[in-house]
mmCIF file of all heavy atoms, coordinates in Angstrom:
data_MODEL
# 
_entry.id   MODEL 
# 
loop_
_atom_site.group_PDB 
_atom_site.id 
_atom_site.type_symbol 
_atom_site.label_atom_id 
_atom_site.label_alt_id 
_atom_site.label_comp_id 
_atom_site.label_asym_id 
_atom_site.label_entity_id 
_atom_site.label_seq_id 
_atom_site.pdbx_PDB_ins_code 
_atom_site.Cartn_x 
_atom_site.Cartn_y 
_atom_site.Cartn_z 
_atom_site.occupancy 
_atom_site.B_iso_or_equiv 
_atom_site.pdbx_formal_charge 
_atom_site.auth_seq_id 
_atom_site.auth_comp_id 
_atom_site.auth_asym_id 
_atom_site.auth_atom_id 
_atom_site.pdbx_PDB_model_num 
ATOM 1   N N   . VAL A 1 1  ? 0.856  -1.191 0.000  1.00 0.00 ? 1  VAL A N   1 
ATOM 2   C CA  . VAL A 1 1  ? 0.000  0.000  0.000  1.00 0.00 ? 1  VAL A CA  1 
ATOM 3   C C   . VAL A 1 1  ? 0.889  1.236  0.000  1.00 0.00 ? 1  VAL A C   1 
ATOM 4   O O   . VAL A 1 1  ? 1.814  1.357  0.818  1.00 0.00 ? 1  VAL A O   1 
ATOM 5   C CB  . VAL A 1 1  ? -0.929 0.021  1.241  1.00 0.00 ? 1  VAL A CB  1 
ATOM 6   C CG1 . VAL A 1 1  ? -1.814 1.257  1.209  1.00 0.00 ? 1  VAL A CG1 1 
ATOM 7   C CG2 . VAL A 1 1  ? -1.762 -1.248 1.293  1.00 0.00 ? 1  VAL A CG2 1 
ATOM 8   N N   . LYS A 1 2  ? 0.597  2.161  -0.902 1.00 0.00 ? 2  LYS A N   1 
ATOM 9   C CA  . LYS A 1 2  ? 1.362  3.405  -0.982 1.00 0.00 ? 2  LYS A CA  1 
ATOM 10  C C   . LYS A 1 2  ? 0.444  4.586  -0.669 1.00 0.00 ? 2  LYS A C   1 
ATOM 11  O O   . LYS A 1 2  ? -0.598 4.753  -1.307 1.00 0.00 ? 2  LYS A O   1 
ATOM 12  C CB  . LYS A 1 2  ? 1.981  3.578  -2.375 1.00 0.00 ? 2  LYS A CB  1 
ATOM 13  C CG  . LYS A 1 2  ? 2.981  2.485  -2.747 1.00 0.00 ? 2  LYS A CG  1 
ATOM 14  C CD  . LYS A 1 2  ? 3.519  2.694  -4.158 1.00 0.00 ? 2  LYS A CD  1 
ATOM 15  C CE  . LYS A 1 2  ? 4.501  1.589  -4.551 1.00 0.00 ? 2  LYS A CE  1 
ATOM 16  N NZ  . LYS A 1 2  ? 5.009  1.783  -5.926 1.00 0.00 ? 2  LYS A NZ  1 
ATOM 17  N N   . ASP A 1 3  ? 0.841  5.376  0.301  1.00 0.00 ? 3  ASP A N   1 
ATOM 18  C CA  . ASP A 1 3  ? 0.040  6.526  0.715  1.00 0.00 ? 3  ASP A CA  1 
ATOM 19  C C   . ASP A 1 3  ? 0.901  7.773  0.809  1.00 0.00 ? 3  ASP A C   1 
ATOM 20  O O   . ASP A 1 3  ? 2.115  7.693  1.079  1.00 0.00 ? 3  ASP A O   1 
ATOM 21  C CB  . ASP A 1 3  ? -0.605 6.281  2.088  1.00 0.00 ? 3  ASP A CB  1 
ATOM 22  C CG  . ASP A 1 3  ? -1.732 5.271  2.029  1.00 0.00 ? 3  ASP A CG  1 
ATOM 23  O OD1 . ASP A 1 3  ? -2.679 5.488  1.248  1.00 0.00 ? 3  ASP A OD1 1 
ATOM 24  O OD2 . ASP A 1 3  ? -1.668 4.268  2.769  1.00 0.00 ? 3  ASP A OD2 1 
ATOM 25  N N   . VAL A 1 4  ? 0.267  8.920  0.644  1.00 0.00 ? 4  VAL A N   1 
ATOM 26  C CA  . VAL A 1 4  ? 0.911  10.205 0.878  1.00 0.00 ? 4  VAL A CA  1 
ATOM 27  C C   . VAL A 1 4  ? 0.076  10.917 1.938  1.00 0.00 ? 4  VAL A C   1 
ATOM 28  O O   . VAL A 1 4  ? -1.073 11.295 1.670  1.00 0.00 ? 4  VAL A O   1 
ATOM 29  C CB  . VAL A 1 4  ? 0.982  11.061 -0.409 1.00 0.00 ? 4  VAL A CB  1 
ATOM 30  C CG1 . VAL A 1 4  ? 1.587  12.431 -0.088 1.00 0.00 ? 4  VAL A CG1 1 
ATOM 31  C CG2 . VAL A 1 4  ? 1.817  10.350 -1.465 1.00 0.00 ? 4  VAL A CG2 1 
ATOM 32  N N   . TRP A 1 5  ? 0.645  11.049 3.122  1.00 0.00 ? 5  TRP A N   1 
ATOM 33  C CA  . TRP A 1 5  ? -0.086 11.621 4.254  1.00 0.00 ? 5  TRP A CA  1 
ATOM 34  C C   . TRP A 1 5  ? 0.609  12.894 4.736  1.00 0.00 ? 5  TRP A C   1 
ATOM 35  O O   . TRP A 1 5  ? 1.847  12.956 4.775  1.00 0.00 ? 5  TRP A O   1 
ATOM 36  C CB  . TRP A 1 5  ? -0.166 10.623 5.418  1.00 0.00 ? 5  TRP A CB  1 
ATOM 37  C CG  . TRP A 1 5  ? -1.173 9.528  5.207  1.00 0.00 ? 5  TRP A CG  1 
ATOM 38  C CD1 . TRP A 1 5  ? -1.763 9.167  4.040  1.00 0.00 ? 5  TRP A CD1 1 
ATOM 39  C CD2 . TRP A 1 5  ? -1.678 8.653  6.215  1.00 0.00 ? 5  TRP A CD2 1 
ATOM 40  N NE1 . TRP A 1 5  ? -2.625 8.128  4.250  1.00 0.00 ? 5  TRP A NE1 1 
ATOM 41  C CE2 . TRP A 1 5  ? -2.599 7.783  5.562  1.00 0.00 ? 5  TRP A CE2 1 
ATOM 42  C CE3 . TRP A 1 5  ? -1.443 8.493  7.570  1.00 0.00 ? 5  TRP A CE3 1 
ATOM 43  C CZ2 . TRP A 1 5  ? -3.286 6.787  6.256  1.00 0.00 ? 5  TRP A CZ2 1 
ATOM 44  C CZ3 . TRP A 1 5  ? -2.134 7.512  8.261  1.00 0.00 ? 5  TRP A CZ3 1 
ATOM 45  C CH2 . TRP A 1 5  ? -3.048 6.663  7.610  1.00 0.00 ? 5  TRP A CH2 1 
ATOM 46  N N   . THR A 1 6  ? -0.194 13.854 5.114  1.00 0.00 ? 6  THR A N   1 
ATOM 47  C CA  . THR A 1 6  ? 0.337  15.112 5.645  1.00 0.00 ? 6  THR A CA  1 
ATOM 48  C C   . THR A 1 6  ? -0.097 15.292 7.091  1.00 0.00 ? 6  THR A C   1 
ATOM 49  O O   . THR A 1 6  ? -1.285 15.200 7.410  1.00 0.00 ? 6  THR A O   1 
ATOM 50  C CB  . THR A 1 6  ? -0.151 16.318 4.814  1.00 0.00 ? 6  THR A CB  1 
ATOM 51  O OG1 . THR A 1 6  ? 0.290  16.172 3.463  1.00 0.00 ? 6  THR A OG1 1 
ATOM 52  C CG2 . THR A 1 6  ? 0.418  17.623 5.387  1.00 0.00 ? 6  THR A CG2 1 
ATOM 53  N N   . PHE A 1 7  ? 0.884  15.537 7.937  1.00 0.00 ? 7  PHE A N   1 
ATOM 54  C CA  . PHE A 1 7  ? 0.626  15.790 9.351  1.00 0.00 ? 7  PHE A CA  1 
ATOM 55  C C   . PHE A 1 7  ? 0.897  17.267 9.640  1.00 0.00 ? 7  PHE A C   1 
ATOM 56  O O   . PHE A 1 7  ? 1.760  17.892 9.021  1.00 0.00 ? 7  PHE A O   1 
ATOM 57  C CB  . PHE A 1 7  ? 1.524  14.927 10.233 1.00 0.00 ? 7  PHE A CB  1 
ATOM 58  C CG  . PHE A 1 7  ? 1.220  13.455 10.174 1.00 0.00 ? 7  PHE A CG  1 
ATOM 59  C CD1 . PHE A 1 7  ? 1.791  12.646 9.187  1.00 0.00 ? 7  PHE A CD1 1 
ATOM 60  C CD2 . PHE A 1 7  ? 0.373  12.875 11.098 1.00 0.00 ? 7  PHE A CD2 1 
ATOM 61  C CE1 . PHE A 1 7  ? 1.504  11.298 9.125  1.00 0.00 ? 7  PHE A CE1 1 
ATOM 62  C CE2 . PHE A 1 7  ? 0.085  11.505 11.048 1.00 0.00 ? 7  PHE A CE2 1 
ATOM 63  C CZ  . PHE A 1 7  ? 0.648  10.715 10.063 1.00 0.00 ? 7  PHE A CZ  1 
ATOM 64  N N   . ALA A 1 8  ? 0.178  17.805 10.606 1.00 0.00 ? 8  ALA A N   1 
ATOM 65  C CA  . ALA A 1 8  ? 0.345  19.224 10.944 1.00 0.00 ? 8  ALA A CA  1 
ATOM 66  C C   . ALA A 1 8  ? 0.282  19.427 12.449 1.00 0.00 ? 8  ALA A C   1 
ATOM 67  O O   . ALA A 1 8  ? -0.318 18.630 13.191 1.00 0.00 ? 8  ALA A O   1 
ATOM 68  C CB  . ALA A 1 8  ? -0.719 20.075 10.254 1.00 0.00 ? 8  ALA A CB  1 
ATOM 69  N N   . ARG A 1 9  ? 0.902  20.531 12.875 1.00 0.00 ? 9  ARG A N   1 
ATOM 70  C CA  . ARG A 1 9  ? 0.894  20.898 14.285 1.00 0.00 ? 9  ARG A CA  1 
ATOM 71  C C   . ARG A 1 9  ? 1.053  22.406 14.411 1.00 0.00 ? 9  ARG A C   1 
ATOM 72  O O   . ARG A 1 9  ? 1.874  23.005 13.710 1.00 0.00 ? 9  ARG A O   1 
ATOM 73  C CB  . ARG A 1 9  ? 2.031  20.212 15.043 1.00 0.00 ? 9  ARG A CB  1 
ATOM 74  C CG  . ARG A 1 9  ? 2.158  20.656 16.492 1.00 0.00 ? 9  ARG A CG  1 
ATOM 75  C CD  . ARG A 1 9  ? 3.329  19.984 17.209 1.00 0.00 ? 9  ARG A CD  1 
ATOM 76  N NE  . ARG A 1 9  ? 3.456  20.517 18.548 1.00 0.00 ? 9  ARG A NE  1 
ATOM 77  C CZ  . ARG A 1 9  ? 4.160  21.592 18.864 1.00 0.00 ? 9  ARG A CZ  1 
ATOM 78  N NH1 . ARG A 1 9  ? 4.844  22.226 17.936 1.00 0.00 ? 9  ARG A NH1 1 
ATOM 79  N NH2 . ARG A 1 9  ? 4.200  22.029 20.110 1.00 0.00 ? 9  ARG A NH2 1 
ATOM 80  N N   . ASP A 1 10 ? 0.259  23.014 15.307 1.00 0.00 ? 10 ASP A N   1 
ATOM 81  C CA  . ASP A 1 10 ? 0.397  24.440 15.593 1.00 0.00 ? 10 ASP A CA  1 
ATOM 82  C C   . ASP A 1 10 ? 1.588  24.611 16.530 1.00 0.00 ? 10 ASP A C   1 
ATOM 83  O O   . ASP A 1 10 ? 1.549  24.142 17.675 1.00 0.00 ? 10 ASP A O   1 
ATOM 84  C CB  . ASP A 1 10 ? -0.878 24.990 16.240 1.00 0.00 ? 10 ASP A CB  1 
ATOM 85  C CG  . ASP A 1 10 ? -0.853 26.516 16.362 1.00 0.00 ? 10 ASP A CG  1 
ATOM 86  O OD1 . ASP A 1 10 ? 0.248  27.099 16.282 1.00 0.00 ? 10 ASP A OD1 1 
ATOM 87  O OD2 . ASP A 1 10 ? -1.926 27.115 16.558 1.00 0.00 ? 10 ASP A OD2 1 
ATOM 88  N N   . THR A 1 11 ? 2.640  25.249 16.063 1.00 0.00 ? 11 THR A N   1 
ATOM 89  C CA  . THR A 1 11 ? 3.866  25.374 16.862 1.00 0.00 ? 11 THR A CA  1 
ATOM 90  C C   . THR A 1 11 ? 3.695  26.283 18.080 1.00 0.00 ? 11 THR A C   1 
ATOM 91  O O   . THR A 1 11 ? 4.543  26.291 18.962 1.00 0.00 ? 11 THR A O   1 
ATOM 92  C CB  . THR A 1 11 ? 5.017  25.920 15.992 1.00 0.00 ? 11 THR A CB  1 
ATOM 93  O OG1 . THR A 1 11 ? 4.626  27.190 15.435 1.00 0.00 ? 11 THR A OG1 1 
ATOM 94  C CG2 . THR A 1 11 ? 5.344  24.950 14.872 1.00 0.00 ? 11 THR A CG2 1 
ATOM 95  N N   . ARG A 1 12 ? 2.595  27.043 18.119 1.00 0.00 ? 12 ARG A N   1 
ATOM 96  C CA  . ARG A 1 12 ? 2.343  27.891 19.288 1.00 0.00 ? 12 ARG A CA  1 
ATOM 97  C C   . ARG A 1 12 ? 1.625  27.143 20.393 1.00 0.00 ? 12 ARG A C   1 
ATOM 98  O O   . ARG A 1 12 ? 1.533  27.625 21.518 1.00 0.00 ? 12 ARG A O   1 
ATOM 99  C CB  . ARG A 1 12 ? 1.518  29.107 18.886 1.00 0.00 ? 12 ARG A CB  1 
ATOM 100 C CG  . ARG A 1 12 ? 2.196  30.057 17.905 1.00 0.00 ? 12 ARG A CG  1 
ATOM 101 C CD  . ARG A 1 12 ? 1.283  31.191 17.507 1.00 0.00 ? 12 ARG A CD  1 
ATOM 102 N NE  . ARG A 1 12 ? 0.017  30.683 16.949 1.00 0.00 ? 12 ARG A NE  1 
ATOM 103 C CZ  . ARG A 1 12 ? -0.959 31.456 16.482 1.00 0.00 ? 12 ARG A CZ  1 
ATOM 104 N NH1 . ARG A 1 12 ? -0.817 32.777 16.511 1.00 0.00 ? 12 ARG A NH1 1 
ATOM 105 N NH2 . ARG A 1 12 ? -2.058 30.919 15.994 1.00 0.00 ? 12 ARG A NH2 1 
ATOM 106 N N   . SER A 1 13 ? 1.107  25.970 20.064 1.00 0.00 ? 13 SER A N   1 
ATOM 107 C CA  . SER A 1 13 ? 0.338  25.192 21.031 1.00 0.00 ? 13 SER A CA  1 
ATOM 108 C C   . SER A 1 13 ? 1.246  24.415 21.961 1.00 0.00 ? 13 SER A C   1 
ATOM 109 O O   . SER A 1 13 ? 2.331  23.980 21.584 1.00 0.00 ? 13 SER A O   1 
ATOM 110 C CB  . SER A 1 13 ? -0.588 24.218 20.289 1.00 0.00 ? 13 SER A CB  1 
ATOM 111 O OG  . SER A 1 13 ? -1.228 23.343 21.190 1.00 0.00 ? 13 SER A OG  1 
ATOM 112 N N   . ARG A 1 14 ? 0.789  24.227 23.187 1.00 0.00 ? 14 ARG A N   1 
ATOM 113 C CA  . ARG A 1 14 ? 1.539  23.414 24.147 1.00 0.00 ? 14 ARG A CA  1 
ATOM 114 C C   . ARG A 1 14 ? 1.372  21.923 23.870 1.00 0.00 ? 14 ARG A C   1 
ATOM 115 O O   . ARG A 1 14 ? 2.122  21.104 24.380 1.00 0.00 ? 14 ARG A O   1 
ATOM 116 C CB  . ARG A 1 14 ? 1.069  23.728 25.568 1.00 0.00 ? 14 ARG A CB  1 
ATOM 117 C CG  . ARG A 1 14 ? 1.413  25.143 26.036 1.00 0.00 ? 14 ARG A CG  1 
ATOM 118 C CD  . ARG A 1 14 ? 0.986  25.352 27.480 1.00 0.00 ? 14 ARG A CD  1 
ATOM 119 N NE  . ARG A 1 14 ? 1.331  26.685 27.954 1.00 0.00 ? 14 ARG A NE  1 
ATOM 120 C CZ  . ARG A 1 14 ? 1.071  27.127 29.180 1.00 0.00 ? 14 ARG A CZ  1 
ATOM 121 N NH1 . ARG A 1 14 ? 0.450  26.335 30.048 1.00 0.00 ? 14 ARG A NH1 1 
ATOM 122 N NH2 . ARG A 1 14 ? 1.434  28.345 29.537 1.00 0.00 ? 14 ARG A NH2 1 
ATOM 123 N N   . ASP A 1 15 ? 0.374  21.595 23.062 1.00 0.00 ? 15 ASP A N   1 
ATOM 124 C CA  . ASP A 1 15 ? 0.142  20.200 22.692 1.00 0.00 ? 15 ASP A CA  1 
ATOM 125 C C   . ASP A 1 15 ? 1.222  19.767 21.701 1.00 0.00 ? 15 ASP A C   1 
ATOM 126 O O   . ASP A 1 15 ? 1.324  20.318 20.606 1.00 0.00 ? 15 ASP A O   1 
ATOM 127 C CB  . ASP A 1 15 ? -1.247 20.066 22.047 1.00 0.00 ? 15 ASP A CB  1 
ATOM 128 C CG  . ASP A 1 15 ? -1.592 18.612 21.723 1.00 0.00 ? 15 ASP A CG  1 
ATOM 129 O OD1 . ASP A 1 15 ? -0.736 17.732 21.925 1.00 0.00 ? 15 ASP A OD1 1 
ATOM 130 O OD2 . ASP A 1 15 ? -2.729 18.363 21.270 1.00 0.00 ? 15 ASP A OD2 1 
ATOM 131 N N   . PRO A 1 16 ? 2.041  18.791 22.068 1.00 0.00 ? 16 PRO A N   1 
ATOM 132 C CA  . PRO A 1 16 ? 3.155  18.388 21.191 1.00 0.00 ? 16 PRO A CA  1 
ATOM 133 C C   . PRO A 1 16 ? 2.733  17.447 20.067 1.00 0.00 ? 16 PRO A C   1 
ATOM 134 O O   . PRO A 1 16 ? 3.549  17.114 19.198 1.00 0.00 ? 16 PRO A O   1 
ATOM 135 C CB  . PRO A 1 16 ? 4.107  17.686 22.156 1.00 0.00 ? 16 PRO A CB  1 
ATOM 136 C CG  . PRO A 1 16 ? 3.183  17.055 23.158 1.00 0.00 ? 16 PRO A CG  1 
ATOM 137 C CD  . PRO A 1 16 ? 2.045  18.046 23.337 1.00 0.00 ? 16 PRO A CD  1 
ATOM 138 N N   . ASN A 1 17 ? 1.476  17.006 20.069 1.00 0.00 ? 17 ASN A N   1 
ATOM 139 C CA  . ASN A 1 17 ? 1.034  15.994 19.117 1.00 0.00 ? 17 ASN A CA  1 
ATOM 140 C C   . ASN A 1 17 ? 0.734  16.570 17.735 1.00 0.00 ? 17 ASN A C   1 
ATOM 141 O O   . ASN A 1 17 ? 0.204  17.664 17.602 1.00 0.00 ? 17 ASN A O   1 
ATOM 142 C CB  . ASN A 1 17 ? -0.222 15.282 19.649 1.00 0.00 ? 17 ASN A CB  1 
ATOM 143 C CG  . ASN A 1 17 ? 0.061  14.525 20.928 1.00 0.00 ? 17 ASN A CG  1 
ATOM 144 O OD1 . ASN A 1 17 ? 1.081  13.864 21.050 1.00 0.00 ? 17 ASN A OD1 1 
ATOM 145 N ND2 . ASN A 1 17 ? -0.831 14.626 21.894 1.00 0.00 ? 17 ASN A ND2 1 
ATOM 146 N N   . TRP A 1 18 ? 1.092  15.775 16.730 1.00 0.00 ? 18 TRP A N   1 
ATOM 147 C CA  . TRP A 1 18 ? 0.783  16.097 15.341 1.00 0.00 ? 18 TRP A CA  1 
ATOM 148 C C   . TRP A 1 18 ? -0.491 15.353 14.952 1.00 0.00 ? 18 TRP A C   1 
ATOM 149 O O   . TRP A 1 18 ? -0.772 14.276 15.467 1.00 0.00 ? 18 TRP A O   1 
ATOM 150 C CB  . TRP A 1 18 ? 1.916  15.657 14.427 1.00 0.00 ? 18 TRP A CB  1 
ATOM 151 C CG  . TRP A 1 18 ? 3.195  16.406 14.619 1.00 0.00 ? 18 TRP A CG  1 
ATOM 152 C CD1 . TRP A 1 18 ? 4.040  16.331 15.687 1.00 0.00 ? 18 TRP A CD1 1 
ATOM 153 C CD2 . TRP A 1 18 ? 3.786  17.344 13.709 1.00 0.00 ? 18 TRP A CD2 1 
ATOM 154 N NE1 . TRP A 1 18 ? 5.115  17.166 15.507 1.00 0.00 ? 18 TRP A NE1 1 
ATOM 155 C CE2 . TRP A 1 18 ? 4.988  17.796 14.299 1.00 0.00 ? 18 TRP A CE2 1 
ATOM 156 C CE3 . TRP A 1 18 ? 3.426  17.836 12.459 1.00 0.00 ? 18 TRP A CE3 1 
ATOM 157 C CZ2 . TRP A 1 18 ? 5.815  18.716 13.679 1.00 0.00 ? 18 TRP A CZ2 1 
ATOM 158 C CZ3 . TRP A 1 18 ? 4.246  18.753 11.825 1.00 0.00 ? 18 TRP A CZ3 1 
ATOM 159 C CH2 . TRP A 1 18 ? 5.430  19.190 12.435 1.00 0.00 ? 18 TRP A CH2 1 
ATOM 160 N N   . LYS A 1 19 ? -1.256 15.924 14.020 1.00 0.00 ? 19 LYS A N   1 
ATOM 161 C CA  . LYS A 1 19 ? -2.478 15.269 13.556 1.00 0.00 ? 19 LYS A CA  1 
ATOM 162 C C   . LYS A 1 19 ? -2.472 15.145 12.039 1.00 0.00 ? 19 LYS A C   1 
ATOM 163 O O   . LYS A 1 19 ? -1.910 15.990 11.329 1.00 0.00 ? 19 LYS A O   1 
ATOM 164 C CB  . LYS A 1 19 ? -3.709 16.045 14.025 1.00 0.00 ? 19 LYS A CB  1 
ATOM 165 C CG  . LYS A 1 19 ? -3.932 15.964 15.536 1.00 0.00 ? 19 LYS A CG  1 
ATOM 166 C CD  . LYS A 1 19 ? -5.298 16.501 15.954 1.00 0.00 ? 19 LYS A CD  1 
ATOM 167 C CE  . LYS A 1 19 ? -5.531 16.285 17.433 1.00 0.00 ? 19 LYS A CE  1 
ATOM 168 N NZ  . LYS A 1 19 ? -6.896 16.717 17.854 1.00 0.00 ? 19 LYS A NZ  1 
ATOM 169 N N   . LEU A 1 20 ? -3.117 14.085 11.572 1.00 0.00 ? 20 LEU A N   1 
ATOM 170 C CA  . LEU A 1 20 ? -3.221 13.866 10.136 1.00 0.00 ? 20 LEU A CA  1 
ATOM 171 C C   . LEU A 1 20 ? -4.224 14.859 9.556  1.00 0.00 ? 20 LEU A C   1 
ATOM 172 O O   . LEU A 1 20 ? -5.381 14.915 9.996  1.00 0.00 ? 20 LEU A O   1 
ATOM 173 C CB  . LEU A 1 20 ? -3.672 12.427 9.884  1.00 0.00 ? 20 LEU A CB  1 
ATOM 174 C CG  . LEU A 1 20 ? -3.849 12.012 8.422  1.00 0.00 ? 20 LEU A CG  1 
ATOM 175 C CD1 . LEU A 1 20 ? -2.526 12.040 7.688  1.00 0.00 ? 20 LEU A CD1 1 
ATOM 176 C CD2 . LEU A 1 20 ? -4.467 10.607 8.354  1.00 0.00 ? 20 LEU A CD2 1 
ATOM 177 N N   . VAL A 1 21 ? -3.780 15.635 8.547  1.00 0.00 ? 21 VAL A N   1 
ATOM 178 C CA  . VAL A 1 21 ? -4.666 16.671 7.988  1.00 0.00 ? 21 VAL A CA  1 
ATOM 179 C C   . VAL A 1 21 ? -5.013 16.402 6.521  1.00 0.00 ? 21 VAL A C   1 
ATOM 180 O O   . VAL A 1 21 ? -5.915 17.055 5.978  1.00 0.00 ? 21 VAL A O   1 
ATOM 181 C CB  . VAL A 1 21 ? -4.032 18.068 8.124  1.00 0.00 ? 21 VAL A CB  1 
ATOM 182 C CG1 . VAL A 1 21 ? -3.857 18.428 9.602  1.00 0.00 ? 21 VAL A CG1 1 
ATOM 183 C CG2 . VAL A 1 21 ? -2.694 18.150 7.386  1.00 0.00 ? 21 VAL A CG2 1 
ATOM 184 N N   . ALA A 1 22 ? -4.307 15.470 5.881  1.00 0.00 ? 22 ALA A N   1 
ATOM 185 C CA  . ALA A 1 22 ? -4.624 15.185 4.477  1.00 0.00 ? 22 ALA A CA  1 
ATOM 186 C C   . ALA A 1 22 ? -4.099 13.802 4.104  1.00 0.00 ? 22 ALA A C   1 
ATOM 187 O O   . ALA A 1 22 ? -3.050 13.359 4.597  1.00 0.00 ? 22 ALA A O   1 
ATOM 188 C CB  . ALA A 1 22 ? -4.017 16.228 3.554  1.00 0.00 ? 22 ALA A CB  1 
ATOM 189 N N   . THR A 1 23 ? -4.862 13.095 3.245  1.00 0.00 ? 23 THR A N   1 
ATOM 190 C CA  . THR A 1 23 ? -4.432 11.780 2.774  1.00 0.00 ? 23 THR A CA  1 
ATOM 191 C C   . THR A 1 23 ? -4.706 11.665 1.281  1.00 0.00 ? 23 THR A C   1 
ATOM 192 O O   . THR A 1 23 ? -5.657 12.249 0.754  1.00 0.00 ? 23 THR A O   1 
ATOM 193 C CB  . THR A 1 23 ? -5.204 10.652 3.493  1.00 0.00 ? 23 THR A CB  1 
ATOM 194 O OG1 . THR A 1 23 ? -6.593 10.721 3.134  1.00 0.00 ? 23 THR A OG1 1 
ATOM 195 C CG2 . THR A 1 23 ? -5.067 10.754 4.995  1.00 0.00 ? 23 THR A CG2 1 
ATOM 196 N N   . GLU A 1 24 ? -3.863 10.886 0.629  1.00 0.00 ? 24 GLU A N   1 
ATOM 197 C CA  . GLU A 1 24 ? -4.107 10.564 -0.776 1.00 0.00 ? 24 GLU A CA  1 
ATOM 198 C C   . GLU A 1 24 ? -3.326 9.306  -1.119 1.00 0.00 ? 24 GLU A C   1 
ATOM 199 O O   . GLU A 1 24 ? -2.301 8.988  -0.510 1.00 0.00 ? 24 GLU A O   1 
ATOM 200 C CB  . GLU A 1 24 ? -3.688 11.713 -1.707 1.00 0.00 ? 24 GLU A CB  1 
ATOM 201 C CG  . GLU A 1 24 ? -2.227 12.071 -1.635 1.00 0.00 ? 24 GLU A CG  1 
ATOM 202 C CD  . GLU A 1 24 ? -1.862 13.204 -2.603 1.00 0.00 ? 24 GLU A CD  1 
ATOM 203 O OE1 . GLU A 1 24 ? -1.873 12.947 -3.818 1.00 0.00 ? 24 GLU A OE1 1 
ATOM 204 O OE2 . GLU A 1 24 ? -1.591 14.315 -2.117 1.00 0.00 ? 24 GLU A OE2 1 
ATOM 205 N N   . ALA A 1 25 ? -3.852 8.569  -2.066 1.00 0.00 ? 25 ALA A N   1 
ATOM 206 C CA  . ALA A 1 25 ? -3.192 7.346  -2.497 1.00 0.00 ? 25 ALA A CA  1 
ATOM 207 C C   . ALA A 1 25 ? -2.083 7.700  -3.477 1.00 0.00 ? 25 ALA A C   1 
ATOM 208 O O   . ALA A 1 25 ? -2.226 8.614  -4.289 1.00 0.00 ? 25 ALA A O   1 
ATOM 209 C CB  . ALA A 1 25 ? -4.183 6.392  -3.135 1.00 0.00 ? 25 ALA A CB  1 
# 
């Protein structure tokens, strides 16, 4: 399976976690 996924994070936030914001095959 080949995927292209984009993760994002607000660098001003104290939350260190990244979230998936876009997917495509």
